[in-house]
């Protein structure tokens, strides 16, 4: 089994994604689990105040697109980064 987990590159996101990867490996010995670090719009413009962005999903959209396009198999997000409504096909 091979699984690619999409995540942001922040320390918190990586800690959470690595935790999930570890649990998958425990449950499926021999599984190949990779992390794909994806930069999001919120990280591309770090000097811009978050309030200046009108879009929801500032820290999730690119990861969700990668999931929907099949570049990754699953995504690990921090709850604090998620908009209150999820895009169709991601849940």
PDB file of N, CA and C in Angstrom:
ATOM      1  N   UNK A   1       0.845  -1.177   0.000  1.00  0.00           N
ATOM      2  CA  UNK A   1       0.000   0.000   0.000  1.00  0.00           C
ATOM      3  C   UNK A   1       0.890   1.239   0.000  1.00  0.00           C
ATOM      4  N   UNK A   2       0.525   2.197  -0.821  1.00  0.00           N
ATOM      5  CA  UNK A   2       1.232   3.480  -0.858  1.00  0.00           C
ATOM      6  C   UNK A   2       0.206   4.580  -0.606  1.00  0.00           C
ATOM      7  N   UNK A   3       0.562   5.518   0.271  1.00  0.00           N
ATOM      8  CA  UNK A   3      -0.335   6.604   0.639  1.00  0.00           C
ATOM      9  C   UNK A   3       0.449   7.905   0.651  1.00  0.00           C
ATOM     10  N   UNK A   4      -0.073   8.908  -0.026  1.00  0.00           N
ATOM     11  CA  UNK A   4       0.546  10.230  -0.013  1.00  0.00           C
ATOM     12  C   UNK A   4      -0.370  11.174   0.755  1.00  0.00           C
ATOM     13  N   UNK A   5       0.179  11.744   1.818  1.00  0.00           N
ATOM     14  CA  UNK A   5      -0.567  12.663   2.678  1.00  0.00           C
ATOM     15  C   UNK A   5      -0.165  14.088   2.331  1.00  0.00           C
ATOM     16  N   UNK A   6      -1.136  14.916   2.009  1.00  0.00           N
ATOM     17  CA  UNK A   6      -0.885  16.328   1.741  1.00  0.00           C
ATOM     18  C   UNK A   6      -0.993  17.133   3.019  1.00  0.00           C
ATOM     19  N   UNK A   7      -0.071  18.066   3.196  1.00  0.00           N
ATOM     20  CA  UNK A   7      -0.052  18.881   4.405  1.00  0.00           C
ATOM     21  C   UNK A   7       0.661  20.199   4.142  1.00  0.00           C
ATOM     22  N   UNK A   8       0.420  21.157   5.012  1.00  0.00           N
ATOM     23  CA  UNK A   8       1.215  22.381   4.987  1.00  0.00           C
ATOM     24  C   UNK A   8       2.582  22.069   5.584  1.00  0.00           C
ATOM     25  N   UNK A   9       3.501  23.008   5.450  1.00  0.00           N
ATOM     26  CA  UNK A   9       4.848  22.799   5.956  1.00  0.00           C
ATOM     27  C   UNK A   9       5.120  23.407   7.315  1.00  0.00           C
ATOM     28  N   UNK A  10       4.094  23.920   7.980  1.00  0.00           N
ATOM     29  CA  UNK A  10       4.304  24.519   9.301  1.00  0.00           C
ATOM     30  C   UNK A  10       4.666  23.425  10.307  1.00  0.00           C
ATOM     31  N   UNK A  11       5.338  23.795  11.384  1.00  0.00           N
ATOM     32  CA  UNK A  11       5.690  22.782  12.391  1.00  0.00           C
ATOM     33  C   UNK A  11       4.473  22.017  12.924  1.00  0.00           C
ATOM     34  N   UNK A  12       3.366  22.716  13.178  1.00  0.00           N
ATOM     35  CA  UNK A  12       2.166  22.041  13.675  1.00  0.00           C
ATOM     36  C   UNK A  12       1.607  21.081  12.629  1.00  0.00           C
ATOM     37  N   UNK A  13       1.500  21.541  11.390  1.00  0.00           N
ATOM     38  CA  UNK A  13       0.957  20.690  10.326  1.00  0.00           C
ATOM     39  C   UNK A  13       1.827  19.451  10.124  1.00  0.00           C
ATOM     40  N   UNK A  14       3.136  19.628  10.140  1.00  0.00           N
ATOM     41  CA  UNK A  14       4.037  18.484   9.961  1.00  0.00           C
ATOM     42  C   UNK A  14       3.949  17.511  11.129  1.00  0.00           C
ATOM     43  N   UNK A  15       3.828  18.032  12.335  1.00  0.00           N
ATOM     44  CA  UNK A  15       3.687  17.152  13.502  1.00  0.00           C
ATOM     45  C   UNK A  15       2.415  16.319  13.387  1.00  0.00           C
ATOM     46  N   UNK A  16       1.328  16.952  12.982  1.00  0.00           N
ATOM     47  CA  UNK A  16       0.063  16.232  12.852  1.00  0.00           C
ATOM     48  C   UNK A  16       0.115  15.223  11.705  1.00  0.00           C
ATOM     49  N   UNK A  17       0.675  15.609  10.579  1.00  0.00           N
ATOM     50  CA  UNK A  17       0.760  14.697   9.437  1.00  0.00           C
ATOM     51  C   UNK A  17       1.683  13.517   9.744  1.00  0.00           C
ATOM     52  N   UNK A  18       2.781  13.778  10.430  1.00  0.00           N
ATOM     53  CA  UNK A  18       3.679  12.688  10.815  1.00  0.00           C
ATOM     54  C   UNK A  18       3.010  11.749  11.812  1.00  0.00           C
ATOM     55  N   UNK A  19       2.183  12.286  12.691  1.00  0.00           N
ATOM     56  CA  UNK A  19       1.439  11.451  13.634  1.00  0.00           C
ATOM     57  C   UNK A  19       0.505  10.509  12.866  1.00  0.00           C
ATOM     58  N   UNK A  20      -0.214  11.056  11.884  1.00  0.00           N
ATOM     59  CA  UNK A  20      -1.116  10.238  11.067  1.00  0.00           C
ATOM     60  C   UNK A  20      -0.313   9.193  10.293  1.00  0.00           C
ATOM     61  N   UNK A  21       0.793   9.598   9.690  1.00  0.00           N
ATOM     62  CA  UNK A  21       1.626   8.659   8.929  1.00  0.00           C
ATOM     63  C   UNK A  21       2.105   7.515   9.822  1.00  0.00           C
ATOM     64  N   UNK A  22       2.513   7.840  11.033  1.00  0.00           N
ATOM     65  CA  UNK A  22       2.972   6.818  11.976  1.00  0.00           C
ATOM     66  C   UNK A  22       1.848   5.833  12.298  1.00  0.00           C
ATOM     67  N   UNK A  23       0.652   6.353  12.525  1.00  0.00           N
ATOM     68  CA  UNK A  23      -0.488   5.483  12.848  1.00  0.00           C
ATOM     69  C   UNK A  23      -0.855   4.587  11.661  1.00  0.00           C
ATOM     70  N   UNK A  24      -0.767   5.113  10.456  1.00  0.00           N
ATOM     71  CA  UNK A  24      -1.045   4.293   9.267  1.00  0.00           C
ATOM     72  C   UNK A  24      -0.014   3.173   9.167  1.00  0.00           C
ATOM     73  N   UNK A  25       1.253   3.511   9.381  1.00  0.00           N
ATOM     74  CA  UNK A  25       2.311   2.485   9.317  1.00  0.00           C
ATOM     75  C   UNK A  25       2.126   1.420  10.396  1.00  0.00           C
ATOM     76  N   UNK A  26       1.667   1.836  11.574  1.00  0.00           N
ATOM     77  CA  UNK A  26       1.395   0.866  12.644  1.00  0.00           C
ATOM     78  C   UNK A  26       0.269  -0.085  12.252  1.00  0.00           C
ATOM     79  N   UNK A  27      -0.780   0.475  11.666  1.00  0.00           N
ATOM     80  CA  UNK A  27      -1.948  -0.326  11.290  1.00  0.00           C
ATOM     81  C   UNK A  27      -1.689  -1.180  10.053  1.00  0.00           C
ATOM     82  N   UNK A  28      -0.772  -0.729   9.204  1.00  0.00           N
ATOM     83  CA  UNK A  28      -0.475  -1.423   7.945  1.00  0.00           C
ATOM     84  C   UNK A  28       1.036  -1.560   7.786  1.00  0.00           C
ATOM     85  N   UNK A  29       1.638  -2.507   8.506  1.00  0.00           N
ATOM     86  CA  UNK A  29       3.093  -2.686   8.391  1.00  0.00           C
ATOM     87  C   UNK A  29       3.498  -2.876   6.922  1.00  0.00           C
ATOM     88  N   UNK A  30       4.553  -2.218   6.550  1.00  0.00           N
ATOM     89  CA  UNK A  30       5.020  -2.294   5.170  1.00  0.00           C
ATOM     90  C   UNK A  30       4.432  -1.225   4.264  1.00  0.00           C
ATOM     91  N   UNK A  31       3.465  -0.477   4.776  1.00  0.00           N
ATOM     92  CA  UNK A  31       2.868   0.590   3.965  1.00  0.00           C
ATOM     93  C   UNK A  31       3.906   1.672   3.689  1.00  0.00           C
ATOM     94  N   UNK A  32       3.877   2.192   2.493  1.00  0.00           N
ATOM     95  CA  UNK A  32       4.743   3.310   2.120  1.00  0.00           C
ATOM     96  C   UNK A  32       3.915   4.582   2.255  1.00  0.00           C
ATOM     97  N   UNK A  33       4.284   5.412   3.206  1.00  0.00           N
ATOM     98  CA  UNK A  33       3.532   6.637   3.471  1.00  0.00           C
ATOM     99  C   UNK A  33       4.465   7.821   3.260  1.00  0.00           C
ATOM    100  N   UNK A  34       4.070   8.706   2.365  1.00  0.00           N
ATOM    101  CA  UNK A  34       4.864   9.892   2.050  1.00  0.00           C
ATOM    102  C   UNK A  34       4.084  11.141   2.433  1.00  0.00           C
ATOM    103  N   UNK A  35       4.813  12.180   2.803  1.00  0.00           N
ATOM    104  CA  UNK A  35       4.204  13.487   3.033  1.00  0.00           C
ATOM    105  C   UNK A  35       4.507  14.373   1.836  1.00  0.00           C
ATOM    106  N   UNK A  36       3.490  15.038   1.353  1.00  0.00           N
ATOM    107  CA  UNK A  36       3.649  16.018   0.274  1.00  0.00           C
ATOM    108  C   UNK A  36       3.356  17.385   0.878  1.00  0.00           C
ATOM    109  N   UNK A  37       4.392  18.198   1.008  1.00  0.00           N
ATOM    110  CA  UNK A  37       4.219  19.530   1.588  1.00  0.00           C
ATOM    111  C   UNK A  37       3.742  20.470   0.487  1.00  0.00           C
ATOM    112  N   UNK A  38       2.624  21.122   0.763  1.00  0.00           N
ATOM    113  CA  UNK A  38       1.983  21.987  -0.224  1.00  0.00           C
ATOM    114  C   UNK A  38       1.896  23.399   0.342  1.00  0.00           C
ATOM    115  N   UNK A  39       2.429  24.364  -0.394  1.00  0.00           N
ATOM    116  CA  UNK A  39       2.319  25.768   0.025  1.00  0.00           C
ATOM    117  C   UNK A  39       0.921  26.274  -0.305  1.00  0.00           C
ATOM    118  N   UNK A  40       0.330  26.952   0.652  1.00  0.00           N
ATOM    119  CA  UNK A  40      -1.001  27.509   0.452  1.00  0.00           C
ATOM    120  C   UNK A  40      -0.911  29.023   0.285  1.00  0.00           C
ATOM    121  N   UNK A  41      -2.004  29.612  -0.156  1.00  0.00           N
ATOM    122  CA  UNK A  41      -2.020  31.059  -0.384  1.00  0.00           C
ATOM    123  C   UNK A  41      -1.655  31.821   0.885  1.00  0.00           C
ATOM    124  N   UNK A  42      -2.076  31.325   2.022  1.00  0.00           N
ATOM    125  CA  UNK A  42      -1.760  31.989   3.283  1.00  0.00           C
ATOM    126  C   UNK A  42      -0.276  32.014   3.588  1.00  0.00           C
ATOM    127  N   UNK A  43       0.460  31.059   3.041  1.00  0.00           N
ATOM    128  CA  UNK A  43       1.908  31.009   3.263  1.00  0.00           C
ATOM    129  C   UNK A  43       2.679  31.760   2.184  1.00  0.00           C
ATOM    130  N   UNK A  44       2.082  31.906   1.026  1.00  0.00           N
ATOM    131  CA  UNK A  44       2.758  32.568  -0.089  1.00  0.00           C
ATOM    132  C   UNK A  44       2.881  34.070   0.162  1.00  0.00           C
ATOM    133  N   UNK A  45       1.918  34.636   0.882  1.00  0.00           N
ATOM    134  CA  UNK A  45       1.931  36.075   1.180  1.00  0.00           C
ATOM    135  C   UNK A  45       1.951  36.282   2.694  1.00  0.00           C
ATOM    136  N   UNK A  46       3.045  35.880   3.361  1.00  0.00           N
ATOM    137  CA  UNK A  46       3.062  35.926   4.830  1.00  0.00           C
ATOM    138  C   UNK A  46       3.032  37.331   5.430  1.00  0.00           C
ATOM    139  N   UNK A  47       3.408  38.342   4.648  1.00  0.00           N
ATOM    140  CA  UNK A  47       3.417  39.706   5.173  1.00  0.00           C
ATOM    141  C   UNK A  47       2.049  40.377   5.086  1.00  0.00           C
ATOM    142  N   UNK A  48       1.137  39.743   4.385  1.00  0.00           N
ATOM    143  CA  UNK A  48      -0.195  40.309   4.199  1.00  0.00           C
ATOM    144  C   UNK A  48      -1.092  39.869   5.360  1.00  0.00           C
ATOM    145  N   UNK A  49      -1.813  40.804   5.989  1.00  0.00           N
ATOM    146  CA  UNK A  49      -2.704  40.414   7.085  1.00  0.00           C
ATOM    147  C   UNK A  49      -3.789  39.452   6.596  1.00  0.00           C
ATOM    148  N   UNK A  50      -4.106  38.476   7.404  1.00  0.00           N
ATOM    149  CA  UNK A  50      -5.129  37.494   7.031  1.00  0.00           C
ATOM    150  C   UNK A  50      -6.449  38.188   6.720  1.00  0.00           C
ATOM    151  N   UNK A  51      -6.746  39.250   7.440  1.00  0.00           N
ATOM    152  CA  UNK A  51      -8.008  39.962   7.225  1.00  0.00           C
ATOM    153  C   UNK A  51      -8.095  40.597   5.839  1.00  0.00           C
ATOM    154  N   UNK A  52      -6.969  40.750   5.148  1.00  0.00           N
ATOM    155  CA  UNK A  52      -6.992  41.356   3.815  1.00  0.00           C
ATOM    156  C   UNK A  52      -7.439  40.364   2.738  1.00  0.00           C
ATOM    157  N   UNK A  53      -7.497  39.085   3.073  1.00  0.00           N
ATOM    158  CA  UNK A  53      -7.958  38.073   2.124  1.00  0.00           C
ATOM    159  C   UNK A  53      -9.462  37.906   2.282  1.00  0.00           C
ATOM    160  N   UNK A  54     -10.164  37.895   1.174  1.00  0.00           N
ATOM    161  CA  UNK A  54     -11.617  37.733   1.243  1.00  0.00           C
ATOM    162  C   UNK A  54     -12.023  36.267   1.132  1.00  0.00           C
ATOM    163  N   UNK A  55     -11.116  35.442   0.664  1.00  0.00           N
ATOM    164  CA  UNK A  55     -11.443  34.035   0.436  1.00  0.00           C
ATOM    165  C   UNK A  55     -11.383  33.220   1.712  1.00  0.00           C
ATOM    166  N   UNK A  56     -12.266  32.234   1.777  1.00  0.00           N
ATOM    167  CA  UNK A  56     -12.159  31.222   2.822  1.00  0.00           C
ATOM    168  C   UNK A  56     -11.213  30.153   2.303  1.00  0.00           C
ATOM    169  N   UNK A  57     -10.657  29.380   3.188  1.00  0.00           N
ATOM    170  CA  UNK A  57      -9.757  28.319   2.754  1.00  0.00           C
ATOM    171  C   UNK A  57      -8.363  28.821   2.441  1.00  0.00           C
ATOM    172  N   UNK A  58      -7.985  29.899   3.069  1.00  0.00           N
ATOM    173  CA  UNK A  58      -6.684  30.524   2.826  1.00  0.00           C
ATOM    174  C   UNK A  58      -5.525  29.549   3.035  1.00  0.00           C
ATOM    175  N   UNK A  59      -5.678  28.636   4.002  1.00  0.00           N
ATOM    176  CA  UNK A  59      -4.621  27.675   4.304  1.00  0.00           C
ATOM    177  C   UNK A  59      -4.983  26.253   3.882  1.00  0.00           C
ATOM    178  N   UNK A  60      -6.044  26.108   3.088  1.00  0.00           N
ATOM    179  CA  UNK A  60      -6.482  24.754   2.721  1.00  0.00           C
ATOM    180  C   UNK A  60      -6.741  24.546   1.232  1.00  0.00           C
ATOM    181  N   UNK A  61      -7.058  25.577   0.501  1.00  0.00           N
ATOM    182  CA  UNK A  61      -7.532  25.432  -0.885  1.00  0.00           C
ATOM    183  C   UNK A  61      -6.576  24.633  -1.770  1.00  0.00           C
ATOM    184  N   UNK A  62      -5.297  24.946  -1.729  1.00  0.00           N
ATOM    185  CA  UNK A  62      -4.337  24.252  -2.598  1.00  0.00           C
ATOM    186  C   UNK A  62      -4.232  22.768  -2.236  1.00  0.00           C
ATOM    187  N   UNK A  63      -4.339  22.471  -0.955  1.00  0.00           N
ATOM    188  CA  UNK A  63      -4.281  21.067  -0.525  1.00  0.00           C
ATOM    189  C   UNK A  63      -5.534  20.329  -0.985  1.00  0.00           C
ATOM    190  N   UNK A  64      -6.688  20.967  -0.858  1.00  0.00           N
ATOM    191  CA  UNK A  64      -7.932  20.342  -1.321  1.00  0.00           C
ATOM    192  C   UNK A  64      -7.914  20.134  -2.835  1.00  0.00           C
ATOM    193  N   UNK A  65      -7.355  21.078  -3.563  1.00  0.00           N
ATOM    194  CA  UNK A  65      -7.242  20.917  -5.021  1.00  0.00           C
ATOM    195  C   UNK A  65      -6.361  19.723  -5.359  1.00  0.00           C
ATOM    196  N   UNK A  66      -5.253  19.577  -4.643  1.00  0.00           N
ATOM    197  CA  UNK A  66      -4.358  18.435  -4.869  1.00  0.00           C
ATOM    198  C   UNK A  66      -5.080  17.118  -4.596  1.00  0.00           C
ATOM    199  N   UNK A  67      -5.932  17.106  -3.581  1.00  0.00           N
ATOM    200  CA  UNK A  67      -6.709  15.907  -3.257  1.00  0.00           C
ATOM    201  C   UNK A  67      -7.709  15.593  -4.368  1.00  0.00           C
ATOM    202  N   UNK A  68      -8.453  16.597  -4.790  1.00  0.00           N
ATOM    203  CA  UNK A  68      -9.469  16.393  -5.822  1.00  0.00           C
ATOM    204  C   UNK A  68      -8.862  16.027  -7.170  1.00  0.00           C
ATOM    205  N   UNK A  69      -7.637  16.494  -7.436  1.00  0.00           N
ATOM    206  CA  UNK A  69      -6.966  16.188  -8.701  1.00  0.00           C
ATOM    207  C   UNK A  69      -6.172  14.885  -8.645  1.00  0.00           C
ATOM    208  N   UNK A  70      -6.150  14.239  -7.477  1.00  0.00           N
ATOM    209  CA  UNK A  70      -5.481  12.951  -7.356  1.00  0.00           C
ATOM    210  C   UNK A  70      -3.983  13.010  -7.110  1.00  0.00           C
ATOM    211  N   UNK A  71      -3.444  14.186  -6.799  1.00  0.00           N
ATOM    212  CA  UNK A  71      -2.007  14.305  -6.519  1.00  0.00           C
ATOM    213  C   UNK A  71      -1.657  13.734  -5.153  1.00  0.00           C
ATOM    214  N   UNK A  72      -2.623  13.778  -4.232  1.00  0.00           N
ATOM    215  CA  UNK A  72      -2.446  13.210  -2.897  1.00  0.00           C
ATOM    216  C   UNK A  72      -3.634  12.293  -2.619  1.00  0.00           C
ATOM    217  N   UNK A  73      -3.464  11.404  -1.652  1.00  0.00           N
ATOM    218  CA  UNK A  73      -4.532  10.461  -1.310  1.00  0.00           C
ATOM    219  C   UNK A  73      -5.398  10.944  -0.162  1.00  0.00           C
ATOM    220  N   UNK A  74      -4.824  11.743   0.711  1.00  0.00           N
ATOM    221  CA  UNK A  74      -5.579  12.309   1.824  1.00  0.00           C
ATOM    222  C   UNK A  74      -4.880  13.578   2.281  1.00  0.00           C
ATOM    223  N   UNK A  75      -5.577  14.349   3.093  1.00  0.00           N
ATOM    224  CA  UNK A  75      -5.028  15.610   3.590  1.00  0.00           C
ATOM    225  C   UNK A  75      -5.147  15.648   5.101  1.00  0.00           C
ATOM    226  N   UNK A  76      -4.147  16.233   5.731  1.00  0.00           N
ATOM    227  CA  UNK A  76      -4.194  16.458   7.175  1.00  0.00           C
ATOM    228  C   UNK A  76      -4.163  17.965   7.383  1.00  0.00           C
ATOM    229  N   UNK A  77      -5.219  18.460   8.031  1.00  0.00           N
ATOM    230  CA  UNK A  77      -5.341  19.885   8.322  1.00  0.00           C
ATOM    231  C   UNK A  77      -5.461  20.090   9.823  1.00  0.00           C
ATOM    232  N   UNK A  78      -5.094  21.269  10.267  1.00  0.00           N
ATOM    233  CA  UNK A  78      -5.435  21.693  11.623  1.00  0.00           C
ATOM    234  C   UNK A  78      -6.849  22.249  11.569  1.00  0.00           C
ATOM    235  N   UNK A  79      -7.635  21.940  12.562  1.00  0.00           N
ATOM    236  CA  UNK A  79      -9.013  22.422  12.587  1.00  0.00           C
ATOM    237  C   UNK A  79      -9.063  23.940  12.483  1.00  0.00           C
ATOM    238  N   UNK A  80      -8.087  24.620  13.056  1.00  0.00           N
ATOM    239  CA  UNK A  80      -8.068  26.087  13.025  1.00  0.00           C
ATOM    240  C   UNK A  80      -7.958  26.642  11.607  1.00  0.00           C
ATOM    241  N   UNK A  81      -7.453  25.837  10.664  1.00  0.00           N
ATOM    242  CA  UNK A  81      -7.280  26.294   9.286  1.00  0.00           C
ATOM    243  C   UNK A  81      -8.494  26.036   8.405  1.00  0.00           C
ATOM    244  N   UNK A  82      -9.425  25.222   8.877  1.00  0.00           N
ATOM    245  CA  UNK A  82     -10.543  24.819   8.028  1.00  0.00           C
ATOM    246  C   UNK A  82     -11.663  25.842   8.018  1.00  0.00           C
ATOM    247  N   UNK A  83     -12.207  26.113   6.827  1.00  0.00           N
ATOM    248  CA  UNK A  83     -13.413  26.942   6.772  1.00  0.00           C
ATOM    249  C   UNK A  83     -14.581  26.147   7.356  1.00  0.00           C
ATOM    250  N   UNK A  84     -15.642  26.828   7.698  1.00  0.00           N
ATOM    251  CA  UNK A  84     -16.769  26.139   8.328  1.00  0.00           C
ATOM    252  C   UNK A  84     -17.519  25.235   7.363  1.00  0.00           C
ATOM    253  N   UNK A  85     -17.438  25.495   6.061  1.00  0.00           N
ATOM    254  CA  UNK A  85     -18.064  24.635   5.060  1.00  0.00           C
ATOM    255  C   UNK A  85     -16.977  24.040   4.179  1.00  0.00           C
ATOM    256  N   UNK A  86     -17.074  22.733   3.930  1.00  0.00           N
ATOM    257  CA  UNK A  86     -16.074  22.045   3.121  1.00  0.00           C
ATOM    258  C   UNK A  86     -16.506  22.001   1.662  1.00  0.00           C
ATOM    259  N   UNK A  87     -15.556  22.104   0.736  1.00  0.00           N
ATOM    260  CA  UNK A  87     -15.887  21.999  -0.687  1.00  0.00           C
ATOM    261  C   UNK A  87     -16.430  20.609  -1.019  1.00  0.00           C
ATOM    262  N   UNK A  88     -17.348  20.517  -1.967  1.00  0.00           N
ATOM    263  CA  UNK A  88     -17.892  19.216  -2.365  1.00  0.00           C
ATOM    264  C   UNK A  88     -16.780  18.256  -2.789  1.00  0.00           C
ATOM    265  N   UNK A  89     -16.912  17.013  -2.374  1.00  0.00           N
ATOM    266  CA  UNK A  89     -15.967  15.978  -2.769  1.00  0.00           C
ATOM    267  C   UNK A  89     -14.777  15.813  -1.854  1.00  0.00           C
ATOM    268  N   UNK A  90     -14.647  16.660  -0.825  1.00  0.00           N
ATOM    269  CA  UNK A  90     -13.472  16.563   0.043  1.00  0.00           C
ATOM    270  C   UNK A  90     -13.756  15.871   1.366  1.00  0.00           C
ATOM    271  N   UNK A  91     -14.991  15.581   1.662  1.00  0.00           N
ATOM    272  CA  UNK A  91     -15.318  14.923   2.939  1.00  0.00           C
ATOM    273  C   UNK A  91     -15.859  13.537   2.699  1.00  0.00           C
TER     274      UNK A  91
END
